N, C-alpha and C. Protein backbone atom coordinates (compact mmCIF):
# COMPACT_ATOMS: atom_id res chain seq x y z
N UNK A 1 0.84 -1.19 0.00
CA UNK A 1 0.00 0.00 0.00
C UNK A 1 0.88 1.24 0.00
N UNK A 2 0.31 2.33 -0.47
CA UNK A 2 1.07 3.57 -0.55
C UNK A 2 1.28 4.15 0.84
N UNK A 3 2.25 5.06 0.96
CA UNK A 3 2.50 5.69 2.26
C UNK A 3 1.30 6.43 2.83
N UNK A 4 0.34 6.83 1.96
CA UNK A 4 -0.82 7.55 2.49
C UNK A 4 -1.77 6.63 3.26
N UNK A 5 -1.57 5.31 3.14
CA UNK A 5 -2.34 4.36 3.94
C UNK A 5 -1.64 4.21 5.29
N UNK A 6 -1.53 5.31 6.02
CA UNK A 6 -0.85 5.31 7.31
C UNK A 6 -1.79 4.81 8.41
N UNK A 7 -1.28 4.77 9.63
CA UNK A 7 -2.07 4.25 10.76
C UNK A 7 -3.36 5.03 10.95
N UNK A 8 -3.31 6.34 10.77
CA UNK A 8 -4.51 7.16 10.95
C UNK A 8 -5.59 6.80 9.92
N UNK A 9 -5.19 6.64 8.66
CA UNK A 9 -6.14 6.28 7.60
C UNK A 9 -6.69 4.88 7.84
N UNK A 10 -5.82 3.94 8.18
CA UNK A 10 -6.27 2.57 8.43
C UNK A 10 -7.24 2.50 9.61
N UNK A 11 -6.97 3.27 10.66
CA UNK A 11 -7.87 3.30 11.81
C UNK A 11 -9.22 3.91 11.41
N UNK A 12 -9.19 4.94 10.57
CA UNK A 12 -10.43 5.58 10.13
C UNK A 12 -11.26 4.62 9.29
N UNK A 13 -10.62 3.81 8.47
CA UNK A 13 -11.33 2.89 7.58
C UNK A 13 -11.81 1.62 8.28
N UNK A 14 -11.26 1.32 9.44
CA UNK A 14 -11.62 0.09 10.15
C UNK A 14 -13.06 0.17 10.65
N UNK A 15 -13.84 -0.88 10.41
CA UNK A 15 -15.23 -0.87 10.89
C UNK A 15 -15.29 -1.02 12.41
N UNK A 16 -16.41 -0.56 12.98
CA UNK A 16 -16.67 -0.73 14.41
C UNK A 16 -18.16 -0.92 14.58
N UNK A 17 -18.55 -2.12 14.97
CA UNK A 17 -19.97 -2.41 15.12
C UNK A 17 -20.70 -2.25 13.80
N UNK A 18 -21.88 -1.66 13.86
CA UNK A 18 -22.63 -1.38 12.63
C UNK A 18 -21.94 -0.22 11.93
N UNK A 19 -21.34 -0.49 10.80
CA UNK A 19 -20.55 0.52 10.09
C UNK A 19 -21.21 0.88 8.77
N UNK A 20 -21.42 2.17 8.61
CA UNK A 20 -22.02 2.72 7.40
C UNK A 20 -20.95 3.47 6.62
N UNK A 21 -20.74 3.08 5.37
CA UNK A 21 -19.82 3.78 4.48
C UNK A 21 -20.67 4.61 3.53
N UNK A 22 -20.39 5.90 3.50
CA UNK A 22 -21.11 6.81 2.61
C UNK A 22 -20.11 7.40 1.63
N UNK A 23 -20.39 7.22 0.35
CA UNK A 23 -19.53 7.80 -0.67
C UNK A 23 -20.20 9.03 -1.25
N UNK A 24 -19.38 9.98 -1.64
CA UNK A 24 -19.86 11.27 -2.13
C UNK A 24 -19.15 11.61 -3.43
N UNK A 25 -19.82 12.38 -4.29
CA UNK A 25 -19.15 12.88 -5.48
C UNK A 25 -19.97 12.77 -6.74
N UNK A 26 -19.39 13.29 -7.82
CA UNK A 26 -20.04 13.31 -9.14
C UNK A 26 -19.12 12.68 -10.18
N UNK A 27 -19.66 11.73 -10.92
CA UNK A 27 -18.89 11.08 -11.98
C UNK A 27 -18.67 11.99 -13.17
N UNK A 28 -19.26 13.15 -13.19
CA UNK A 28 -19.11 14.09 -14.30
C UNK A 28 -18.00 15.10 -14.08
N UNK A 29 -17.30 15.00 -12.94
CA UNK A 29 -16.24 15.96 -12.61
C UNK A 29 -14.92 15.24 -12.33
N UNK A 30 -14.50 14.39 -13.24
CA UNK A 30 -13.20 13.70 -13.16
C UNK A 30 -13.02 13.05 -11.79
N UNK A 31 -12.02 13.47 -11.02
CA UNK A 31 -11.68 12.79 -9.76
C UNK A 31 -12.73 12.94 -8.66
N UNK A 32 -13.69 13.84 -8.84
CA UNK A 32 -14.79 13.92 -7.88
C UNK A 32 -15.62 12.64 -7.92
N UNK A 33 -15.42 11.83 -8.94
CA UNK A 33 -16.12 10.56 -9.07
C UNK A 33 -15.52 9.43 -8.26
N UNK A 34 -14.54 9.73 -7.42
CA UNK A 34 -13.88 8.67 -6.64
C UNK A 34 -14.87 7.97 -5.71
N UNK A 35 -15.75 8.71 -5.07
CA UNK A 35 -16.74 8.10 -4.17
C UNK A 35 -17.69 7.18 -4.91
N UNK A 36 -18.34 7.66 -5.99
CA UNK A 36 -19.21 6.77 -6.74
C UNK A 36 -18.48 5.54 -7.29
N UNK A 37 -17.21 5.69 -7.67
CA UNK A 37 -16.44 4.54 -8.15
C UNK A 37 -16.32 3.49 -7.05
N UNK A 38 -15.96 3.94 -5.85
CA UNK A 38 -15.83 3.01 -4.72
C UNK A 38 -17.16 2.31 -4.49
N UNK A 39 -18.23 3.06 -4.46
CA UNK A 39 -19.55 2.47 -4.20
C UNK A 39 -19.91 1.43 -5.25
N UNK A 40 -19.60 1.71 -6.50
CA UNK A 40 -19.94 0.78 -7.58
C UNK A 40 -19.13 -0.52 -7.51
N UNK A 41 -18.00 -0.49 -6.82
CA UNK A 41 -17.10 -1.65 -6.80
C UNK A 41 -17.06 -2.38 -5.45
N UNK A 42 -17.90 -1.97 -4.51
CA UNK A 42 -17.95 -2.63 -3.20
C UNK A 42 -19.31 -3.32 -3.07
N UNK A 43 -19.27 -4.55 -2.63
CA UNK A 43 -20.50 -5.31 -2.40
C UNK A 43 -20.45 -5.89 -0.99
N UNK A 44 -21.17 -5.25 -0.07
CA UNK A 44 -21.24 -5.76 1.30
C UNK A 44 -22.35 -6.81 1.38
N UNK A 45 -22.04 -7.91 2.07
CA UNK A 45 -23.05 -8.94 2.32
C UNK A 45 -23.32 -9.10 3.81
N UNK A 46 -22.38 -8.63 4.64
CA UNK A 46 -22.57 -8.74 6.09
C UNK A 46 -23.64 -7.76 6.55
N UNK A 47 -24.50 -8.16 7.49
CA UNK A 47 -25.56 -7.27 7.96
C UNK A 47 -25.06 -6.09 8.78
N UNK A 48 -23.82 -6.16 9.28
CA UNK A 48 -23.29 -5.06 10.08
C UNK A 48 -22.55 -4.02 9.24
N UNK A 49 -22.53 -4.21 7.92
CA UNK A 49 -21.88 -3.27 7.01
C UNK A 49 -22.91 -2.78 5.99
N UNK A 50 -22.90 -1.48 5.75
CA UNK A 50 -23.84 -0.92 4.77
C UNK A 50 -23.12 0.17 3.98
N UNK A 51 -23.50 0.30 2.73
CA UNK A 51 -22.89 1.25 1.82
C UNK A 51 -23.97 2.07 1.14
N UNK A 52 -23.79 3.39 1.11
CA UNK A 52 -24.72 4.29 0.44
C UNK A 52 -23.92 5.28 -0.40
N UNK A 53 -24.31 5.44 -1.65
CA UNK A 53 -23.72 6.50 -2.48
C UNK A 53 -24.63 7.71 -2.37
N UNK A 54 -24.14 8.77 -1.75
CA UNK A 54 -24.93 9.99 -1.57
C UNK A 54 -24.79 10.93 -2.75
N UNK A 55 -23.92 10.60 -3.69
CA UNK A 55 -23.74 11.47 -4.85
C UNK A 55 -23.38 12.88 -4.45
N UNK A 56 -24.10 13.84 -5.00
CA UNK A 56 -23.82 15.25 -4.69
C UNK A 56 -24.84 15.86 -3.73
N UNK A 57 -25.73 15.01 -3.19
CA UNK A 57 -26.75 15.52 -2.26
C UNK A 57 -26.80 14.67 -0.99
N UNK A 58 -25.75 14.72 -0.19
CA UNK A 58 -25.72 13.89 1.01
C UNK A 58 -26.84 14.19 2.00
N UNK A 59 -27.38 15.40 1.95
CA UNK A 59 -28.48 15.72 2.86
C UNK A 59 -29.69 14.83 2.59
N UNK A 60 -29.79 14.30 1.38
CA UNK A 60 -30.93 13.43 1.05
C UNK A 60 -30.84 12.05 1.69
N UNK A 61 -29.67 11.64 2.14
CA UNK A 61 -29.54 10.32 2.77
C UNK A 61 -29.32 10.42 4.27
N UNK A 62 -29.33 11.61 4.81
CA UNK A 62 -29.07 11.79 6.24
C UNK A 62 -30.06 11.00 7.10
N UNK A 63 -31.34 11.07 6.77
CA UNK A 63 -32.33 10.36 7.59
C UNK A 63 -32.15 8.84 7.47
N UNK A 64 -31.81 8.35 6.29
CA UNK A 64 -31.53 6.93 6.11
C UNK A 64 -30.37 6.51 7.01
N UNK A 65 -29.33 7.33 7.04
CA UNK A 65 -28.17 7.05 7.89
C UNK A 65 -28.57 7.03 9.36
N UNK A 66 -29.36 8.00 9.77
CA UNK A 66 -29.81 8.08 11.17
C UNK A 66 -30.67 6.87 11.53
N UNK A 67 -31.60 6.51 10.65
CA UNK A 67 -32.50 5.40 10.93
C UNK A 67 -31.79 4.06 11.04
N UNK A 68 -30.65 3.90 10.35
CA UNK A 68 -29.92 2.63 10.42
C UNK A 68 -29.18 2.48 11.75
N UNK A 69 -28.98 3.57 12.46
CA UNK A 69 -28.33 3.59 13.77
C UNK A 69 -26.93 2.97 13.76
N UNK A 70 -26.04 3.54 12.94
CA UNK A 70 -24.68 2.99 12.88
C UNK A 70 -23.87 3.34 14.12
N UNK A 71 -22.87 2.52 14.39
CA UNK A 71 -21.89 2.82 15.44
C UNK A 71 -20.76 3.68 14.87
N UNK A 72 -20.54 3.52 13.56
CA UNK A 72 -19.48 4.27 12.89
C UNK A 72 -19.95 4.63 11.49
N UNK A 73 -19.63 5.86 11.08
CA UNK A 73 -19.92 6.33 9.73
C UNK A 73 -18.59 6.74 9.11
N UNK A 74 -18.31 6.17 7.93
CA UNK A 74 -17.10 6.50 7.19
C UNK A 74 -17.52 7.21 5.91
N UNK A 75 -17.07 8.45 5.73
CA UNK A 75 -17.35 9.21 4.52
C UNK A 75 -16.14 9.12 3.60
N UNK A 76 -16.38 8.82 2.34
CA UNK A 76 -15.31 8.79 1.34
C UNK A 76 -15.65 9.85 0.30
N UNK A 77 -14.73 10.80 0.09
CA UNK A 77 -14.99 11.90 -0.84
C UNK A 77 -13.69 12.37 -1.46
N UNK A 78 -13.80 12.99 -2.61
CA UNK A 78 -12.67 13.69 -3.21
C UNK A 78 -12.36 14.89 -2.33
N UNK A 79 -11.10 15.26 -2.29
CA UNK A 79 -10.70 16.37 -1.43
C UNK A 79 -9.54 17.14 -2.07
N UNK A 80 -9.34 18.33 -1.55
CA UNK A 80 -8.20 19.14 -1.99
C UNK A 80 -7.48 19.63 -0.74
N UNK A 81 -6.37 18.96 -0.42
CA UNK A 81 -5.62 19.32 0.79
C UNK A 81 -4.14 19.52 0.49
N UNK A 82 -3.82 19.80 -0.76
CA UNK A 82 -2.44 20.05 -1.20
C UNK A 82 -1.54 18.83 -1.09
N UNK A 83 -2.13 17.63 -1.13
CA UNK A 83 -1.35 16.41 -1.11
C UNK A 83 -1.03 15.94 -2.52
N UNK A 84 -0.42 14.79 -2.62
CA UNK A 84 -0.14 14.18 -3.92
C UNK A 84 -1.43 13.59 -4.47
N UNK A 85 -1.62 13.67 -5.77
CA UNK A 85 -2.83 13.13 -6.39
C UNK A 85 -3.02 11.67 -5.98
N UNK A 86 -4.23 11.36 -5.53
CA UNK A 86 -4.55 10.01 -5.09
C UNK A 86 -4.25 9.74 -3.63
N UNK A 87 -3.60 10.66 -2.95
CA UNK A 87 -3.25 10.47 -1.54
C UNK A 87 -4.52 10.43 -0.69
N UNK A 88 -4.53 9.56 0.31
CA UNK A 88 -5.64 9.50 1.25
C UNK A 88 -5.27 10.25 2.52
N UNK A 89 -6.24 10.93 3.08
CA UNK A 89 -6.00 11.65 4.33
C UNK A 89 -7.29 11.72 5.13
N UNK A 90 -7.17 11.60 6.45
CA UNK A 90 -8.31 11.79 7.33
C UNK A 90 -8.52 13.28 7.51
N UNK A 91 -9.76 13.72 7.33
CA UNK A 91 -10.09 15.13 7.43
C UNK A 91 -11.04 15.31 8.61
N UNK A 92 -10.65 16.14 9.59
CA UNK A 92 -11.55 16.37 10.73
C UNK A 92 -12.88 16.98 10.26
N UNK A 93 -13.96 16.59 10.90
CA UNK A 93 -15.28 17.07 10.51
C UNK A 93 -15.33 18.59 10.48
N UNK A 94 -14.70 19.25 11.44
CA UNK A 94 -14.77 20.71 11.49
C UNK A 94 -14.01 21.36 10.32
N UNK A 95 -13.15 20.60 9.65
CA UNK A 95 -12.39 21.14 8.52
C UNK A 95 -12.92 20.65 7.18
N UNK A 96 -13.99 19.87 7.20
CA UNK A 96 -14.45 19.22 5.98
C UNK A 96 -14.81 20.23 4.88
N UNK A 97 -15.42 21.33 5.21
CA UNK A 97 -15.81 22.28 4.17
C UNK A 97 -14.62 22.97 3.54
N UNK A 98 -13.46 22.96 4.22
CA UNK A 98 -12.27 23.58 3.66
C UNK A 98 -11.55 22.64 2.69
N UNK A 99 -11.71 21.32 2.86
CA UNK A 99 -10.92 20.37 2.10
C UNK A 99 -11.69 19.56 1.07
N UNK A 100 -12.96 19.34 1.30
CA UNK A 100 -13.69 18.53 0.34
C UNK A 100 -14.14 19.39 -0.82
N UNK A 101 -14.55 18.75 -1.87
CA UNK A 101 -14.88 19.44 -3.10
C UNK A 101 -16.31 19.96 -2.98
N UNK A 102 -16.44 21.13 -2.42
CA UNK A 102 -17.75 21.69 -2.10
C UNK A 102 -18.59 22.05 -3.31
N UNK A 103 -17.95 22.34 -4.40
CA UNK A 103 -18.72 22.82 -5.55
C UNK A 103 -19.73 21.79 -6.04
N UNK A 104 -19.55 20.53 -5.71
CA UNK A 104 -20.49 19.52 -6.19
C UNK A 104 -21.53 19.15 -5.14
N UNK A 105 -21.41 19.67 -3.92
CA UNK A 105 -22.37 19.35 -2.87
C UNK A 105 -23.29 20.55 -2.67
N UNK A 106 -24.57 20.29 -2.61
CA UNK A 106 -25.52 21.39 -2.56
C UNK A 106 -25.76 21.94 -1.15
N UNK A 107 -25.27 21.28 -0.13
CA UNK A 107 -25.46 21.71 1.25
C UNK A 107 -24.17 21.41 2.00
N UNK A 108 -23.76 22.25 2.96
CA UNK A 108 -22.48 22.01 3.64
C UNK A 108 -22.42 20.62 4.29
N UNK A 109 -21.38 19.87 3.95
CA UNK A 109 -21.22 18.52 4.48
C UNK A 109 -21.10 18.51 5.99
N UNK A 110 -20.40 19.50 6.54
CA UNK A 110 -20.20 19.52 7.99
C UNK A 110 -21.54 19.61 8.73
N UNK A 111 -22.47 20.36 8.19
CA UNK A 111 -23.79 20.49 8.82
C UNK A 111 -24.55 19.17 8.73
N UNK A 112 -24.61 18.62 7.52
CA UNK A 112 -25.33 17.36 7.32
C UNK A 112 -24.81 16.27 8.24
N UNK A 113 -23.50 16.09 8.29
CA UNK A 113 -22.96 14.98 9.04
C UNK A 113 -22.80 15.26 10.52
N UNK A 114 -22.82 16.52 10.92
CA UNK A 114 -22.90 16.84 12.35
C UNK A 114 -24.25 16.38 12.89
N UNK A 115 -25.29 16.55 12.08
CA UNK A 115 -26.64 16.11 12.49
C UNK A 115 -26.66 14.59 12.60
N UNK A 116 -26.10 13.89 11.62
CA UNK A 116 -26.05 12.43 11.66
C UNK A 116 -25.30 11.97 12.90
N UNK A 117 -24.15 12.59 13.16
CA UNK A 117 -23.34 12.21 14.31
C UNK A 117 -24.09 12.46 15.62
N UNK A 118 -24.73 13.61 15.72
CA UNK A 118 -25.47 13.96 16.94
C UNK A 118 -26.65 13.03 17.17
N UNK A 119 -27.39 12.73 16.12
CA UNK A 119 -28.60 11.90 16.25
C UNK A 119 -28.30 10.42 16.47
N UNK A 120 -27.13 9.95 16.06
CA UNK A 120 -26.82 8.52 16.20
C UNK A 120 -25.80 8.24 17.29
N UNK A 121 -25.00 9.23 17.65
CA UNK A 121 -23.90 9.00 18.58
C UNK A 121 -22.76 8.23 17.93
N UNK A 122 -22.81 8.08 16.62
CA UNK A 122 -21.80 7.30 15.90
C UNK A 122 -20.47 8.04 15.83
N UNK A 123 -19.41 7.24 15.78
CA UNK A 123 -18.10 7.79 15.44
C UNK A 123 -18.19 8.17 13.96
N UNK A 124 -17.72 9.36 13.60
CA UNK A 124 -17.77 9.79 12.22
C UNK A 124 -16.38 10.16 11.75
N UNK A 125 -15.95 9.55 10.64
CA UNK A 125 -14.64 9.86 10.07
C UNK A 125 -14.81 10.21 8.59
N UNK A 126 -13.96 11.09 8.13
CA UNK A 126 -13.95 11.49 6.73
C UNK A 126 -12.59 11.13 6.16
N UNK A 127 -12.59 10.36 5.08
CA UNK A 127 -11.35 10.04 4.39
C UNK A 127 -11.44 10.69 3.01
N UNK A 128 -10.53 11.62 2.78
CA UNK A 128 -10.49 12.32 1.50
C UNK A 128 -9.43 11.73 0.59
N UNK A 129 -9.70 11.76 -0.70
CA UNK A 129 -8.74 11.34 -1.71
C UNK A 129 -8.36 12.59 -2.49
N UNK A 130 -7.07 12.93 -2.46
CA UNK A 130 -6.59 14.14 -3.14
C UNK A 130 -6.87 14.06 -4.64
N UNK A 131 -7.53 15.08 -5.16
CA UNK A 131 -7.86 15.13 -6.58
C UNK A 131 -6.66 15.60 -7.40
N UNK A 132 -6.65 15.16 -8.64
CA UNK A 132 -5.70 15.69 -9.63
C UNK A 132 -6.43 16.64 -10.57
N UNK A 133 -7.67 16.26 -10.91
CA UNK A 133 -8.46 17.05 -11.86
C UNK A 133 -9.93 17.06 -11.44
N UNK A 134 -10.55 18.21 -11.62
CA UNK A 134 -12.00 18.35 -11.42
C UNK A 134 -12.66 18.88 -12.69
N UNK A 135 -12.01 18.63 -13.81
CA UNK A 135 -12.56 19.06 -15.09
C UNK A 135 -13.94 18.43 -15.29
N UNK A 136 -14.73 19.06 -16.11
CA UNK A 136 -16.05 18.51 -16.44
C UNK A 136 -15.86 17.41 -17.48
N UNK A 137 -15.53 16.22 -16.96
CA UNK A 137 -15.33 15.05 -17.82
C UNK A 137 -15.53 13.81 -16.98
N UNK A 138 -15.86 12.72 -17.66
CA UNK A 138 -16.01 11.45 -16.96
C UNK A 138 -14.66 10.76 -16.87
N UNK A 139 -14.50 9.93 -15.84
CA UNK A 139 -13.27 9.16 -15.69
C UNK A 139 -12.32 9.76 -14.68
N UNK A 140 -11.69 8.88 -13.93
CA UNK A 140 -10.74 9.29 -12.89
C UNK A 140 -9.33 9.38 -13.46
N UNK A 141 -8.51 10.21 -12.84
CA UNK A 141 -7.09 10.23 -13.18
C UNK A 141 -6.49 8.88 -12.75
N UNK A 142 -5.36 8.48 -13.30
CA UNK A 142 -4.76 7.21 -12.89
C UNK A 142 -4.50 7.14 -11.38
N UNK A 143 -4.12 8.24 -10.78
CA UNK A 143 -3.83 8.27 -9.35
C UNK A 143 -5.09 8.06 -8.52
N UNK A 144 -6.15 8.76 -8.88
CA UNK A 144 -7.43 8.60 -8.16
C UNK A 144 -8.01 7.21 -8.40
N UNK A 145 -7.86 6.71 -9.62
CA UNK A 145 -8.34 5.37 -9.97
C UNK A 145 -7.66 4.32 -9.10
N UNK A 146 -6.35 4.45 -8.93
CA UNK A 146 -5.60 3.49 -8.12
C UNK A 146 -6.08 3.52 -6.66
N UNK A 147 -6.25 4.71 -6.12
CA UNK A 147 -6.71 4.83 -4.74
C UNK A 147 -8.13 4.31 -4.58
N UNK A 148 -9.00 4.63 -5.52
CA UNK A 148 -10.39 4.15 -5.46
C UNK A 148 -10.43 2.63 -5.55
N UNK A 149 -9.61 2.05 -6.40
CA UNK A 149 -9.56 0.59 -6.53
C UNK A 149 -9.08 -0.06 -5.24
N UNK A 150 -8.07 0.55 -4.61
CA UNK A 150 -7.55 0.02 -3.35
C UNK A 150 -8.57 0.16 -2.22
N UNK A 151 -9.31 1.24 -2.22
CA UNK A 151 -10.37 1.40 -1.22
C UNK A 151 -11.44 0.34 -1.40
N UNK A 152 -11.85 0.12 -2.64
CA UNK A 152 -12.87 -0.91 -2.92
C UNK A 152 -12.36 -2.28 -2.50
N UNK A 153 -11.12 -2.59 -2.81
CA UNK A 153 -10.54 -3.88 -2.42
C UNK A 153 -10.50 -4.02 -0.90
N UNK A 154 -10.12 -2.94 -0.21
CA UNK A 154 -10.07 -2.94 1.25
C UNK A 154 -11.45 -3.26 1.84
N UNK A 155 -12.48 -2.54 1.37
CA UNK A 155 -13.83 -2.76 1.90
C UNK A 155 -14.36 -4.16 1.56
N UNK A 156 -14.09 -4.62 0.37
CA UNK A 156 -14.53 -5.97 -0.01
C UNK A 156 -13.84 -7.04 0.85
N UNK A 157 -12.59 -6.82 1.22
CA UNK A 157 -11.89 -7.76 2.09
C UNK A 157 -12.45 -7.73 3.51
N UNK A 158 -12.87 -6.56 3.98
CA UNK A 158 -13.51 -6.44 5.29
C UNK A 158 -14.80 -7.26 5.30
N UNK A 159 -15.54 -7.16 4.22
CA UNK A 159 -16.81 -7.88 4.11
C UNK A 159 -16.59 -9.39 4.24
N UNK A 160 -15.48 -9.87 3.71
CA UNK A 160 -15.20 -11.31 3.75
C UNK A 160 -14.72 -11.77 5.11
N UNK A 161 -14.15 -10.85 5.90
CA UNK A 161 -13.66 -11.20 7.23
C UNK A 161 -14.85 -11.40 8.17
N UNK A 162 -14.73 -12.36 9.03
CA UNK A 162 -15.85 -12.63 9.94
C UNK A 162 -15.62 -12.01 11.30
């Protein structure tokens, strides 16, 4: 794994109890499609794991997330934190609006997920993937594609673990 898969990222991605993974982004904005890519390539079968693609309107899935009563919520989104393209980094909830790709989300992510966190008591982590391009085009950069593929593989392996 790349150096960006450090202990902090691995701890953020590790499930705890009922774990909900929420992916965010738009497939029409190059690397902003990293979340939908992960969602399309992960298949959870365990009842304690759930995956939702919130696309560009995460506020629309907030109640679904609350109703499922997760112990942990993991958000996967494209981000801009001046890292290397494809790098993964844990982003504190209070800094999410500064680092995630806000132009594709219609409502502030920090507000939406603060409500989810408050209503469920769940641990909430945000893992951002550094973008290379946000051009209006389909398809991920090779760097984002590699990270998205590794994330999907990671989650699929968790699903297989008992």
